[in-house]
Amino acid sequence: NIVTGTDLKQTMTFQEAIDEIENEEVNYF
């Protein structure tokens, strides 16, 4: 979260975490 500016939480599902990563426009391959 600190490195990428995301707000991931331990209770998130895989898809919720990916949605958060994409919403914060983290560049990933």
mmCIF file of all heavy atoms, coordinates in Angstrom:
data_MODEL
# 
_entry.id   MODEL 
# 
loop_
_atom_site.group_PDB 
_atom_site.id 
_atom_site.type_symbol 
_atom_site.label_atom_id 
_atom_site.label_alt_id 
_atom_site.label_comp_id 
_atom_site.label_asym_id 
_atom_site.label_entity_id 
_atom_site.label_seq_id 
_atom_site.pdbx_PDB_ins_code 
_atom_site.Cartn_x 
_atom_site.Cartn_y 
_atom_site.Cartn_z 
_atom_site.occupancy 
_atom_site.B_iso_or_equiv 
_atom_site.pdbx_formal_charge 
_atom_site.auth_seq_id 
_atom_site.auth_comp_id 
_atom_site.auth_asym_id 
_atom_site.auth_atom_id 
_atom_site.pdbx_PDB_model_num 
ATOM 1   N N   . ASN A 1 1  ? 0.822   -1.213  0.000   1.00 0.00 ? 1  ASN A N   1 
ATOM 2   C CA  . ASN A 1 1  ? 0.000   0.000   0.000   1.00 0.00 ? 1  ASN A CA  1 
ATOM 3   C C   . ASN A 1 1  ? 0.857   1.264   0.000   1.00 0.00 ? 1  ASN A C   1 
ATOM 4   O O   . ASN A 1 1  ? 0.562   2.220   -0.723  1.00 0.00 ? 1  ASN A O   1 
ATOM 5   C CB  . ASN A 1 1  ? -0.948  0.012   1.204   1.00 0.00 ? 1  ASN A CB  1 
ATOM 6   C CG  . ASN A 1 1  ? -2.113  -0.942  1.044   1.00 0.00 ? 1  ASN A CG  1 
ATOM 7   O OD1 . ASN A 1 1  ? -2.449  -1.371  -0.058  1.00 0.00 ? 1  ASN A OD1 1 
ATOM 8   N ND2 . ASN A 1 1  ? -2.730  -1.296  2.153   1.00 0.00 ? 1  ASN A ND2 1 
ATOM 9   N N   . ILE A 1 2  ? 1.921   1.267   0.783   1.00 0.00 ? 2  ILE A N   1 
ATOM 10  C CA  . ILE A 1 2  ? 2.800   2.439   0.852   1.00 0.00 ? 2  ILE A CA  1 
ATOM 11  C C   . ILE A 1 2  ? 3.493   2.663   -0.490  1.00 0.00 ? 2  ILE A C   1 
ATOM 12  O O   . ILE A 1 2  ? 3.539   3.782   -0.996  1.00 0.00 ? 2  ILE A O   1 
ATOM 13  C CB  . ILE A 1 2  ? 3.840   2.277   1.986   1.00 0.00 ? 2  ILE A CB  1 
ATOM 14  C CG1 . ILE A 1 2  ? 3.145   2.373   3.347   1.00 0.00 ? 2  ILE A CG1 1 
ATOM 15  C CG2 . ILE A 1 2  ? 4.949   3.319   1.867   1.00 0.00 ? 2  ILE A CG2 1 
ATOM 16  C CD1 . ILE A 1 2  ? 4.013   1.939   4.522   1.00 0.00 ? 2  ILE A CD1 1 
ATOM 17  N N   . VAL A 1 3  ? 4.007   1.595   -1.075  1.00 0.00 ? 3  VAL A N   1 
ATOM 18  C CA  . VAL A 1 3  ? 4.763   1.702   -2.324  1.00 0.00 ? 3  VAL A CA  1 
ATOM 19  C C   . VAL A 1 3  ? 3.873   2.095   -3.503  1.00 0.00 ? 3  VAL A C   1 
ATOM 20  O O   . VAL A 1 3  ? 4.290   2.862   -4.364  1.00 0.00 ? 3  VAL A O   1 
ATOM 21  C CB  . VAL A 1 3  ? 5.497   0.370   -2.612  1.00 0.00 ? 3  VAL A CB  1 
ATOM 22  C CG1 . VAL A 1 3  ? 6.107   0.346   -3.999  1.00 0.00 ? 3  VAL A CG1 1 
ATOM 23  C CG2 . VAL A 1 3  ? 6.564   0.129   -1.558  1.00 0.00 ? 3  VAL A CG2 1 
ATOM 24  N N   . THR A 1 4  ? 2.643   1.586   -3.528  1.00 0.00 ? 4  THR A N   1 
ATOM 25  C CA  . THR A 1 4  ? 1.786   1.772   -4.701  1.00 0.00 ? 4  THR A CA  1 
ATOM 26  C C   . THR A 1 4  ? 0.649   2.770   -4.514  1.00 0.00 ? 4  THR A C   1 
ATOM 27  O O   . THR A 1 4  ? -0.005  3.132   -5.491  1.00 0.00 ? 4  THR A O   1 
ATOM 28  C CB  . THR A 1 4  ? 1.164   0.433   -5.132  1.00 0.00 ? 4  THR A CB  1 
ATOM 29  O OG1 . THR A 1 4  ? 0.347   -0.058  -4.061  1.00 0.00 ? 4  THR A OG1 1 
ATOM 30  C CG2 . THR A 1 4  ? 2.233   -0.579  -5.492  1.00 0.00 ? 4  THR A CG2 1 
ATOM 31  N N   . GLY A 1 5  ? 0.377   3.174   -3.287  1.00 0.00 ? 5  GLY A N   1 
ATOM 32  C CA  . GLY A 1 5  ? -0.730  4.099   -3.048  1.00 0.00 ? 5  GLY A CA  1 
ATOM 33  C C   . GLY A 1 5  ? -2.088  3.421   -3.028  1.00 0.00 ? 5  GLY A C   1 
ATOM 34  O O   . GLY A 1 5  ? -3.123  4.086   -3.087  1.00 0.00 ? 5  GLY A O   1 
ATOM 35  N N   . THR A 1 6  ? -2.095  2.105   -2.930  1.00 0.00 ? 6  THR A N   1 
ATOM 36  C CA  . THR A 1 6  ? -3.355  1.365   -2.871  1.00 0.00 ? 6  THR A CA  1 
ATOM 37  C C   . THR A 1 6  ? -3.873  1.320   -1.434  1.00 0.00 ? 6  THR A C   1 
ATOM 38  O O   . THR A 1 6  ? -3.200  1.759   -0.501  1.00 0.00 ? 6  THR A O   1 
ATOM 39  C CB  . THR A 1 6  ? -3.168  -0.080  -3.383  1.00 0.00 ? 6  THR A CB  1 
ATOM 40  O OG1 . THR A 1 6  ? -2.116  -0.700  -2.641  1.00 0.00 ? 6  THR A OG1 1 
ATOM 41  C CG2 . THR A 1 6  ? -2.840  -0.103  -4.868  1.00 0.00 ? 6  THR A CG2 1 
ATOM 42  N N   . ASP A 1 7  ? -5.066  0.765   -1.282  1.00 0.00 ? 7  ASP A N   1 
ATOM 43  C CA  . ASP A 1 7  ? -5.658  0.574   0.040   1.00 0.00 ? 7  ASP A CA  1 
ATOM 44  C C   . ASP A 1 7  ? -6.156  -0.867  0.154   1.00 0.00 ? 7  ASP A C   1 
ATOM 45  O O   . ASP A 1 7  ? -7.329  -1.114  0.392   1.00 0.00 ? 7  ASP A O   1 
ATOM 46  C CB  . ASP A 1 7  ? -6.799  1.566   0.269   1.00 0.00 ? 7  ASP A CB  1 
ATOM 47  C CG  . ASP A 1 7  ? -7.331  1.541   1.692   1.00 0.00 ? 7  ASP A CG  1 
ATOM 48  O OD1 . ASP A 1 7  ? -6.573  1.153   2.612   1.00 0.00 ? 7  ASP A OD1 1 
ATOM 49  O OD2 . ASP A 1 7  ? -8.516  1.888   1.892   1.00 0.00 ? 7  ASP A OD2 1 
ATOM 50  N N   . LEU A 1 8  ? -5.234  -1.807  -0.035  1.00 0.00 ? 8  LEU A N   1 
ATOM 51  C CA  . LEU A 1 8  ? -5.604  -3.216  0.073   1.00 0.00 ? 8  LEU A CA  1 
ATOM 52  C C   . LEU A 1 8  ? -5.864  -3.561  1.533   1.00 0.00 ? 8  LEU A C   1 
ATOM 53  O O   . LEU A 1 8  ? -5.243  -3.015  2.430   1.00 0.00 ? 8  LEU A O   1 
ATOM 54  C CB  . LEU A 1 8  ? -4.484  -4.105  -0.466  1.00 0.00 ? 8  LEU A CB  1 
ATOM 55  C CG  . LEU A 1 8  ? -4.117  -3.944  -1.936  1.00 0.00 ? 8  LEU A CG  1 
ATOM 56  C CD1 . LEU A 1 8  ? -2.991  -4.903  -2.306  1.00 0.00 ? 8  LEU A CD1 1 
ATOM 57  C CD2 . LEU A 1 8  ? -5.316  -4.160  -2.828  1.00 0.00 ? 8  LEU A CD2 1 
ATOM 58  N N   . LYS A 1 9  ? -6.794  -4.498  1.710   1.00 0.00 ? 9  LYS A N   1 
ATOM 59  C CA  . LYS A 1 9  ? -7.129  -4.977  3.053   1.00 0.00 ? 9  LYS A CA  1 
ATOM 60  C C   . LYS A 1 9  ? -7.086  -6.501  3.055   1.00 0.00 ? 9  LYS A C   1 
ATOM 61  O O   . LYS A 1 9  ? -7.355  -7.142  2.038   1.00 0.00 ? 9  LYS A O   1 
ATOM 62  C CB  . LYS A 1 9  ? -8.517  -4.490  3.446   1.00 0.00 ? 9  LYS A CB  1 
ATOM 63  C CG  . LYS A 1 9  ? -8.591  -2.979  3.583   1.00 0.00 ? 9  LYS A CG  1 
ATOM 64  C CD  . LYS A 1 9  ? -9.995  -2.516  3.918   1.00 0.00 ? 9  LYS A CD  1 
ATOM 65  C CE  . LYS A 1 9  ? -10.111 -1.040  4.154   1.00 0.00 ? 9  LYS A CE  1 
ATOM 66  N NZ  . LYS A 1 9  ? -9.404  -0.161  3.266   1.00 0.00 ? 9  LYS A NZ  1 
ATOM 67  N N   . GLN A 1 10 ? -6.752  -7.067  4.189   1.00 0.00 ? 10 GLN A N   1 
ATOM 68  C CA  . GLN A 1 10 ? -6.606  -8.512  4.315   1.00 0.00 ? 10 GLN A CA  1 
ATOM 69  C C   . GLN A 1 10 ? -7.910  -9.253  4.018   1.00 0.00 ? 10 GLN A C   1 
ATOM 70  O O   . GLN A 1 10 ? -7.895  -10.407 3.604   1.00 0.00 ? 10 GLN A O   1 
ATOM 71  C CB  . GLN A 1 10 ? -6.099  -8.869  5.703   1.00 0.00 ? 10 GLN A CB  1 
ATOM 72  C CG  . GLN A 1 10 ? -5.656  -10.305 5.818   1.00 0.00 ? 10 GLN A CG  1 
ATOM 73  C CD  . GLN A 1 10 ? -4.823  -10.563 7.055   1.00 0.00 ? 10 GLN A CD  1 
ATOM 74  O OE1 . GLN A 1 10 ? -4.517  -9.650  7.801   1.00 0.00 ? 10 GLN A OE1 1 
ATOM 75  N NE2 . GLN A 1 10 ? -4.455  -11.804 7.262   1.00 0.00 ? 10 GLN A NE2 1 
ATOM 76  N N   . THR A 1 11 ? -9.046  -8.603  4.193   1.00 0.00 ? 11 THR A N   1 
ATOM 77  C CA  . THR A 1 11 ? -10.345 -9.249  3.995   1.00 0.00 ? 11 THR A CA  1 
ATOM 78  C C   . THR A 1 11 ? -10.805 -9.247  2.535   1.00 0.00 ? 11 THR A C   1 
ATOM 79  O O   . THR A 1 11 ? -11.843 -9.823  2.223   1.00 0.00 ? 11 THR A O   1 
ATOM 80  C CB  . THR A 1 11 ? -11.413 -8.539  4.847   1.00 0.00 ? 11 THR A CB  1 
ATOM 81  O OG1 . THR A 1 11 ? -11.437 -7.150  4.496   1.00 0.00 ? 11 THR A OG1 1 
ATOM 82  C CG2 . THR A 1 11 ? -11.124 -8.692  6.328   1.00 0.00 ? 11 THR A CG2 1 
ATOM 83  N N   . MET A 1 12 ? -10.030 -8.629  1.648   1.00 0.00 ? 12 MET A N   1 
ATOM 84  C CA  . MET A 1 12 ? -10.430 -8.535  0.237   1.00 0.00 ? 12 MET A CA  1 
ATOM 85  C C   . MET A 1 12 ? -10.299 -9.885  -0.462  1.00 0.00 ? 12 MET A C   1 
ATOM 86  O O   . MET A 1 12 ? -9.398  -10.659 -0.171  1.00 0.00 ? 12 MET A O   1 
ATOM 87  C CB  . MET A 1 12 ? -9.560  -7.518  -0.507  1.00 0.00 ? 12 MET A CB  1 
ATOM 88  C CG  . MET A 1 12 ? -9.824  -6.094  -0.148  1.00 0.00 ? 12 MET A CG  1 
ATOM 89  S SD  . MET A 1 12 ? -8.745  -4.988  -1.110  1.00 0.00 ? 12 MET A SD  1 
ATOM 90  C CE  . MET A 1 12 ? -9.659  -3.460  -0.959  1.00 0.00 ? 12 MET A CE  1 
ATOM 91  N N   . THR A 1 13 ? -11.209 -10.101 -1.414  1.00 0.00 ? 13 THR A N   1 
ATOM 92  C CA  . THR A 1 13 ? -11.064 -11.242 -2.305  1.00 0.00 ? 13 THR A CA  1 
ATOM 93  C C   . THR A 1 13 ? -9.989  -10.909 -3.339  1.00 0.00 ? 13 THR A C   1 
ATOM 94  O O   . THR A 1 13 ? -9.570  -9.750  -3.466  1.00 0.00 ? 13 THR A O   1 
ATOM 95  C CB  . THR A 1 13 ? -12.383 -11.536 -3.049  1.00 0.00 ? 13 THR A CB  1 
ATOM 96  O OG1 . THR A 1 13 ? -12.691 -10.426 -3.907  1.00 0.00 ? 13 THR A OG1 1 
ATOM 97  C CG2 . THR A 1 13 ? -13.537 -11.794 -2.077  1.00 0.00 ? 13 THR A CG2 1 
ATOM 98  N N   . PHE A 1 14 ? -9.581  -11.907 -4.102  1.00 0.00 ? 14 PHE A N   1 
ATOM 99  C CA  . PHE A 1 14 ? -8.595  -11.691 -5.159  1.00 0.00 ? 14 PHE A CA  1 
ATOM 100 C C   . PHE A 1 14 ? -9.100  -10.605 -6.115  1.00 0.00 ? 14 PHE A C   1 
ATOM 101 O O   . PHE A 1 14 ? -8.369  -9.668  -6.434  1.00 0.00 ? 14 PHE A O   1 
ATOM 102 C CB  . PHE A 1 14 ? -8.343  -13.008 -5.899  1.00 0.00 ? 14 PHE A CB  1 
ATOM 103 C CG  . PHE A 1 14 ? -7.357  -12.896 -7.027  1.00 0.00 ? 14 PHE A CG  1 
ATOM 104 C CD1 . PHE A 1 14 ? -6.000  -12.836 -6.779  1.00 0.00 ? 14 PHE A CD1 1 
ATOM 105 C CD2 . PHE A 1 14 ? -7.797  -12.872 -8.341  1.00 0.00 ? 14 PHE A CD2 1 
ATOM 106 C CE1 . PHE A 1 14 ? -5.081  -12.743 -7.822  1.00 0.00 ? 14 PHE A CE1 1 
ATOM 107 C CE2 . PHE A 1 14 ? -6.887  -12.782 -9.392  1.00 0.00 ? 14 PHE A CE2 1 
ATOM 108 C CZ  . PHE A 1 14 ? -5.536  -12.716 -9.129  1.00 0.00 ? 14 PHE A CZ  1 
ATOM 109 N N   . GLN A 1 15 ? -10.346 -10.723 -6.564  1.00 0.00 ? 15 GLN A N   1 
ATOM 110 C CA  . GLN A 1 15 ? -10.885 -9.755  -7.524  1.00 0.00 ? 15 GLN A CA  1 
ATOM 111 C C   . GLN A 1 15 ? -10.985 -8.356  -6.929  1.00 0.00 ? 15 GLN A C   1 
ATOM 112 O O   . GLN A 1 15 ? -10.697 -7.367  -7.612  1.00 0.00 ? 15 GLN A O   1 
ATOM 113 C CB  . GLN A 1 15 ? -12.251 -10.205 -8.055  1.00 0.00 ? 15 GLN A CB  1 
ATOM 114 C CG  . GLN A 1 15 ? -12.745 -9.351  -9.206  1.00 0.00 ? 15 GLN A CG  1 
ATOM 115 C CD  . GLN A 1 15 ? -11.781 -9.312  -10.381 1.00 0.00 ? 15 GLN A CD  1 
ATOM 116 O OE1 . GLN A 1 15 ? -11.410 -10.368 -10.906 1.00 0.00 ? 15 GLN A OE1 1 
ATOM 117 N NE2 . GLN A 1 15 ? -11.350 -8.143  -10.790 1.00 0.00 ? 15 GLN A NE2 1 
ATOM 118 N N   . GLU A 1 16 ? -11.388 -8.237  -5.677  1.00 0.00 ? 16 GLU A N   1 
ATOM 119 C CA  . GLU A 1 16 ? -11.452 -6.923  -5.027  1.00 0.00 ? 16 GLU A CA  1 
ATOM 120 C C   . GLU A 1 16 ? -10.069 -6.281  -4.964  1.00 0.00 ? 16 GLU A C   1 
ATOM 121 O O   . GLU A 1 16 ? -9.921  -5.080  -5.188  1.00 0.00 ? 16 GLU A O   1 
ATOM 122 C CB  . GLU A 1 16 ? -12.033 -7.043  -3.619  1.00 0.00 ? 16 GLU A CB  1 
ATOM 123 C CG  . GLU A 1 16 ? -13.511 -7.358  -3.585  1.00 0.00 ? 16 GLU A CG  1 
ATOM 124 C CD  . GLU A 1 16 ? -14.019 -7.709  -2.198  1.00 0.00 ? 16 GLU A CD  1 
ATOM 125 O OE1 . GLU A 1 16 ? -13.225 -8.176  -1.346  1.00 0.00 ? 16 GLU A OE1 1 
ATOM 126 O OE2 . GLU A 1 16 ? -15.229 -7.524  -1.970  1.00 0.00 ? 16 GLU A OE2 1 
ATOM 127 N N   . ALA A 1 17 ? -9.060  -7.082  -4.665  1.00 0.00 ? 17 ALA A N   1 
ATOM 128 C CA  . ALA A 1 17 ? -7.689  -6.561  -4.601  1.00 0.00 ? 17 ALA A CA  1 
ATOM 129 C C   . ALA A 1 17 ? -7.235  -6.092  -5.978  1.00 0.00 ? 17 ALA A C   1 
ATOM 130 O O   . ALA A 1 17 ? -6.640  -5.012  -6.111  1.00 0.00 ? 17 ALA A O   1 
ATOM 131 C CB  . ALA A 1 17 ? -6.747  -7.622  -4.044  1.00 0.00 ? 17 ALA A CB  1 
ATOM 132 N N   . ILE A 1 18 ? -7.512  -6.876  -7.016  1.00 0.00 ? 18 ILE A N   1 
ATOM 133 C CA  . ILE A 1 18 ? -7.132  -6.489  -8.377  1.00 0.00 ? 18 ILE A CA  1 
ATOM 134 C C   . ILE A 1 18 ? -7.865  -5.217  -8.790  1.00 0.00 ? 18 ILE A C   1 
ATOM 135 O O   . ILE A 1 18 ? -7.283  -4.312  -9.394  1.00 0.00 ? 18 ILE A O   1 
ATOM 136 C CB  . ILE A 1 18 ? -7.413  -7.628  -9.385  1.00 0.00 ? 18 ILE A CB  1 
ATOM 137 C CG1 . ILE A 1 18 ? -6.646  -8.885  -9.005  1.00 0.00 ? 18 ILE A CG1 1 
ATOM 138 C CG2 . ILE A 1 18 ? -7.081  -7.192  -10.815 1.00 0.00 ? 18 ILE A CG2 1 
ATOM 139 C CD1 . ILE A 1 18 ? -5.198  -8.677  -8.679  1.00 0.00 ? 18 ILE A CD1 1 
ATOM 140 N N   . ASP A 1 19 ? -9.137  -5.124  -8.460  1.00 0.00 ? 19 ASP A N   1 
ATOM 141 C CA  . ASP A 1 19 ? -9.905  -3.905  -8.769  1.00 0.00 ? 19 ASP A CA  1 
ATOM 142 C C   . ASP A 1 19 ? -9.268  -2.684  -8.109  1.00 0.00 ? 19 ASP A C   1 
ATOM 143 O O   . ASP A 1 19 ? -9.151  -1.622  -8.734  1.00 0.00 ? 19 ASP A O   1 
ATOM 144 C CB  . ASP A 1 19 ? -11.363 -4.044  -8.309  1.00 0.00 ? 19 ASP A CB  1 
ATOM 145 C CG  . ASP A 1 19 ? -12.162 -5.029  -9.157  1.00 0.00 ? 19 ASP A CG  1 
ATOM 146 O OD1 . ASP A 1 19 ? -11.694 -5.406  -10.260 1.00 0.00 ? 19 ASP A OD1 1 
ATOM 147 O OD2 . ASP A 1 19 ? -13.251 -5.433  -8.696  1.00 0.00 ? 19 ASP A OD2 1 
ATOM 148 N N   . GLU A 1 20 ? -8.845  -2.821  -6.857  1.00 0.00 ? 20 GLU A N   1 
ATOM 149 C CA  . GLU A 1 20 ? -8.197  -1.716  -6.145  1.00 0.00 ? 20 GLU A CA  1 
ATOM 150 C C   . GLU A 1 20 ? -6.869  -1.352  -6.816  1.00 0.00 ? 20 GLU A C   1 
ATOM 151 O O   . GLU A 1 20 ? -6.553  -0.170  -6.992  1.00 0.00 ? 20 GLU A O   1 
ATOM 152 C CB  . GLU A 1 20 ? -7.976  -2.076  -4.673  1.00 0.00 ? 20 GLU A CB  1 
ATOM 153 C CG  . GLU A 1 20 ? -7.151  -1.088  -3.878  1.00 0.00 ? 20 GLU A CG  1 
ATOM 154 C CD  . GLU A 1 20 ? -7.754  0.311   -3.746  1.00 0.00 ? 20 GLU A CD  1 
ATOM 155 O OE1 . GLU A 1 20 ? -8.970  0.490   -4.008  1.00 0.00 ? 20 GLU A OE1 1 
ATOM 156 O OE2 . GLU A 1 20 ? -7.002  1.236   -3.386  1.00 0.00 ? 20 GLU A OE2 1 
ATOM 157 N N   . ILE A 1 21 ? -6.096  -2.353  -7.189  1.00 0.00 ? 21 ILE A N   1 
ATOM 158 C CA  . ILE A 1 21 ? -4.823  -2.107  -7.866  1.00 0.00 ? 21 ILE A CA  1 
ATOM 159 C C   . ILE A 1 21 ? -5.059  -1.368  -9.182  1.00 0.00 ? 21 ILE A C   1 
ATOM 160 O O   . ILE A 1 21 ? -4.368  -0.400  -9.492  1.00 0.00 ? 21 ILE A O   1 
ATOM 161 C CB  . ILE A 1 21 ? -4.071  -3.447  -8.079  1.00 0.00 ? 21 ILE A CB  1 
ATOM 162 C CG1 . ILE A 1 21 ? -3.584  -3.980  -6.728  1.00 0.00 ? 21 ILE A CG1 1 
ATOM 163 C CG2 . ILE A 1 21 ? -2.933  -3.292  -9.067  1.00 0.00 ? 21 ILE A CG2 1 
ATOM 164 C CD1 . ILE A 1 21 ? -3.111  -5.428  -6.758  1.00 0.00 ? 21 ILE A CD1 1 
ATOM 165 N N   . GLU A 1 22 ? -6.062  -1.796  -9.928  1.00 0.00 ? 22 GLU A N   1 
ATOM 166 C CA  . GLU A 1 22 ? -6.378  -1.137  -11.200 1.00 0.00 ? 22 GLU A CA  1 
ATOM 167 C C   . GLU A 1 22 ? -6.952  0.267   -10.988 1.00 0.00 ? 22 GLU A C   1 
ATOM 168 O O   . GLU A 1 22 ? -6.631  1.187   -11.740 1.00 0.00 ? 22 GLU A O   1 
ATOM 169 C CB  . GLU A 1 22 ? -7.327  -2.002  -12.022 1.00 0.00 ? 22 GLU A CB  1 
ATOM 170 C CG  . GLU A 1 22 ? -6.638  -3.238  -12.547 1.00 0.00 ? 22 GLU A CG  1 
ATOM 171 C CD  . GLU A 1 22 ? -7.544  -4.153  -13.350 1.00 0.00 ? 22 GLU A CD  1 
ATOM 172 O OE1 . GLU A 1 22 ? -8.775  -3.945  -13.371 1.00 0.00 ? 22 GLU A OE1 1 
ATOM 173 O OE2 . GLU A 1 22 ? -6.994  -5.097  -13.966 1.00 0.00 ? 22 GLU A OE2 1 
ATOM 174 N N   . ASN A 1 23 ? -7.790  0.438   -9.975  1.00 0.00 ? 23 ASN A N   1 
ATOM 175 C CA  . ASN A 1 23 ? -8.355  1.763   -9.681  1.00 0.00 ? 23 ASN A CA  1 
ATOM 176 C C   . ASN A 1 23 ? -7.271  2.780   -9.356  1.00 0.00 ? 23 ASN A C   1 
ATOM 177 O O   . ASN A 1 23 ? -7.407  3.964   -9.670  1.00 0.00 ? 23 ASN A O   1 
ATOM 178 C CB  . ASN A 1 23 ? -9.364  1.691   -8.530  1.00 0.00 ? 23 ASN A CB  1 
ATOM 179 C CG  . ASN A 1 23 ? -10.657 1.030   -8.929  1.00 0.00 ? 23 ASN A CG  1 
ATOM 180 O OD1 . ASN A 1 23 ? -10.987 0.922   -10.117 1.00 0.00 ? 23 ASN A OD1 1 
ATOM 181 N ND2 . ASN A 1 23 ? -11.406 0.562   -7.947  1.00 0.00 ? 23 ASN A ND2 1 
ATOM 182 N N   . GLU A 1 24 ? -6.198  2.321   -8.726  1.00 0.00 ? 24 GLU A N   1 
ATOM 183 C CA  . GLU A 1 24 ? -5.087  3.213   -8.372  1.00 0.00 ? 24 GLU A CA  1 
ATOM 184 C C   . GLU A 1 24 ? -4.051  3.295   -9.494  1.00 0.00 ? 24 GLU A C   1 
ATOM 185 O O   . GLU A 1 24 ? -3.010  3.919   -9.325  1.00 0.00 ? 24 GLU A O   1 
ATOM 186 C CB  . GLU A 1 24 ? -4.428  2.755   -7.070  1.00 0.00 ? 24 GLU A CB  1 
ATOM 187 C CG  . GLU A 1 24 ? -5.312  2.945   -5.856  1.00 0.00 ? 24 GLU A CG  1 
ATOM 188 C CD  . GLU A 1 24 ? -5.756  4.388   -5.655  1.00 0.00 ? 24 GLU A CD  1 
ATOM 189 O OE1 . GLU A 1 24 ? -4.947  5.317   -5.873  1.00 0.00 ? 24 GLU A OE1 1 
ATOM 190 O OE2 . GLU A 1 24 ? -6.935  4.576   -5.295  1.00 0.00 ? 24 GLU A OE2 1 
ATOM 191 N N   . GLU A 1 25 ? -4.378  2.657   -10.623 1.00 0.00 ? 25 GLU A N   1 
ATOM 192 C CA  . GLU A 1 25 ? -3.545  2.713   -11.825 1.00 0.00 ? 25 GLU A CA  1 
ATOM 193 C C   . GLU A 1 25 ? -2.104  2.249   -11.587 1.00 0.00 ? 25 GLU A C   1 
ATOM 194 O O   . GLU A 1 25 ? -1.153  2.831   -12.096 1.00 0.00 ? 25 GLU A O   1 
ATOM 195 C CB  . GLU A 1 25 ? -3.587  4.109   -12.447 1.00 0.00 ? 25 GLU A CB  1 
ATOM 196 C CG  . GLU A 1 25 ? -4.992  4.508   -12.869 1.00 0.00 ? 25 GLU A CG  1 
ATOM 197 C CD  . GLU A 1 25 ? -5.087  5.889   -13.495 1.00 0.00 ? 25 GLU A CD  1 
ATOM 198 O OE1 . GLU A 1 25 ? -4.081  6.614   -13.561 1.00 0.00 ? 25 GLU A OE1 1 
ATOM 199 O OE2 . GLU A 1 25 ? -6.210  6.237   -13.909 1.00 0.00 ? 25 GLU A OE2 1 
ATOM 200 N N   . VAL A 1 26 ? -1.974  1.176   -10.815 1.00 0.00 ? 26 VAL A N   1 
ATOM 201 C CA  . VAL A 1 26 ? -0.671  0.551   -10.620 1.00 0.00 ? 26 VAL A CA  1 
ATOM 202 C C   . VAL A 1 26 ? -0.325  -0.173  -11.922 1.00 0.00 ? 26 VAL A C   1 
ATOM 203 O O   . VAL A 1 26 ? -1.132  -0.943  -12.444 1.00 0.00 ? 26 VAL A O   1 
ATOM 204 C CB  . VAL A 1 26 ? -0.704  -0.447  -9.438  1.00 0.00 ? 26 VAL A CB  1 
ATOM 205 C CG1 . VAL A 1 26 ? 0.613   -1.192  -9.325  1.00 0.00 ? 26 VAL A CG1 1 
ATOM 206 C CG2 . VAL A 1 26 ? -1.044  0.275   -8.140  1.00 0.00 ? 26 VAL A CG2 1 
ATOM 207 N N   . ASN A 1 27 ? 0.837   0.102   -12.459 1.00 0.00 ? 27 ASN A N   1 
ATOM 208 C CA  . ASN A 1 27 ? 1.267   -0.552  -13.696 1.00 0.00 ? 27 ASN A CA  1 
ATOM 209 C C   . ASN A 1 27 ? 1.732   -1.962  -13.393 1.00 0.00 ? 27 ASN A C   1 
ATOM 210 O O   . ASN A 1 27 ? 2.678   -2.156  -12.641 1.00 0.00 ? 27 ASN A O   1 
ATOM 211 C CB  . ASN A 1 27 ? 2.408   0.227   -14.355 1.00 0.00 ? 27 ASN A CB  1 
ATOM 212 C CG  . ASN A 1 27 ? 1.954   1.577   -14.850 1.00 0.00 ? 27 ASN A CG  1 
ATOM 213 O OD1 . ASN A 1 27 ? 0.855   1.725   -15.345 1.00 0.00 ? 27 ASN A OD1 1 
ATOM 214 N ND2 . ASN A 1 27 ? 2.811   2.569   -14.706 1.00 0.00 ? 27 ASN A ND2 1 
ATOM 215 N N   . TYR A 1 28 ? 1.042   -2.935  -13.994 1.00 0.00 ? 28 TYR A N   1 
ATOM 216 C CA  . TYR A 1 28 ? 1.471   -4.311  -13.807 1.00 0.00 ? 28 TYR A CA  1 
ATOM 217 C C   . TYR A 1 28 ? 1.360   -5.069  -15.122 1.00 0.00 ? 28 TYR A C   1 
ATOM 218 O O   . TYR A 1 28 ? 0.538   -4.756  -15.973 1.00 0.00 ? 28 TYR A O   1 
ATOM 219 C CB  . TYR A 1 28 ? 0.692   -5.005  -12.693 1.00 0.00 ? 28 TYR A CB  1 
ATOM 220 C CG  . TYR A 1 28 ? -0.755  -5.330  -13.001 1.00 0.00 ? 28 TYR A CG  1 
ATOM 221 C CD1 . TYR A 1 28 ? -1.100  -6.558  -13.538 1.00 0.00 ? 28 TYR A CD1 1 
ATOM 222 C CD2 . TYR A 1 28 ? -1.770  -4.424  -12.729 1.00 0.00 ? 28 TYR A CD2 1 
ATOM 223 C CE1 . TYR A 1 28 ? -2.421  -6.871  -13.806 1.00 0.00 ? 28 TYR A CE1 1 
ATOM 224 C CE2 . TYR A 1 28 ? -3.087  -4.725  -12.997 1.00 0.00 ? 28 TYR A CE2 1 
ATOM 225 C CZ  . TYR A 1 28 ? -3.417  -5.950  -13.532 1.00 0.00 ? 28 TYR A CZ  1 
ATOM 226 O OH  . TYR A 1 28 ? -4.734  -6.260  -13.808 1.00 0.00 ? 28 TYR A OH  1 
ATOM 227 N N   . PHE A 1 29 ? 2.231   -6.054  -15.265 1.00 0.00 ? 29 PHE A N   1 
ATOM 228 C CA  . PHE A 1 29 ? 2.243   -6.883  -16.458 1.00 0.00 ? 29 PHE A CA  1 
ATOM 229 C C   . PHE A 1 29 ? 1.337   -8.100  -16.286 1.00 0.00 ? 29 PHE A C   1 
ATOM 230 O O   . PHE A 1 29 ? 0.600   -8.472  -17.184 1.00 0.00 ? 29 PHE A O   1 
ATOM 231 C CB  . PHE A 1 29 ? 3.679   -7.321  -16.777 1.00 0.00 ? 29 PHE A CB  1 
ATOM 232 C CG  . PHE A 1 29 ? 3.753   -8.318  -17.900 1.00 0.00 ? 29 PHE A CG  1 
ATOM 233 C CD1 . PHE A 1 29 ? 3.526   -7.921  -19.204 1.00 0.00 ? 29 PHE A CD1 1 
ATOM 234 C CD2 . PHE A 1 29 ? 4.017   -9.649  -17.639 1.00 0.00 ? 29 PHE A CD2 1 
ATOM 235 C CE1 . PHE A 1 29 ? 3.557   -8.842  -20.235 1.00 0.00 ? 29 PHE A CE1 1 
ATOM 236 C CE2 . PHE A 1 29 ? 4.065   -10.576 -18.671 1.00 0.00 ? 29 PHE A CE2 1 
ATOM 237 C CZ  . PHE A 1 29 ? 3.831   -10.173 -19.968 1.00 0.00 ? 29 PHE A CZ  1 
# 
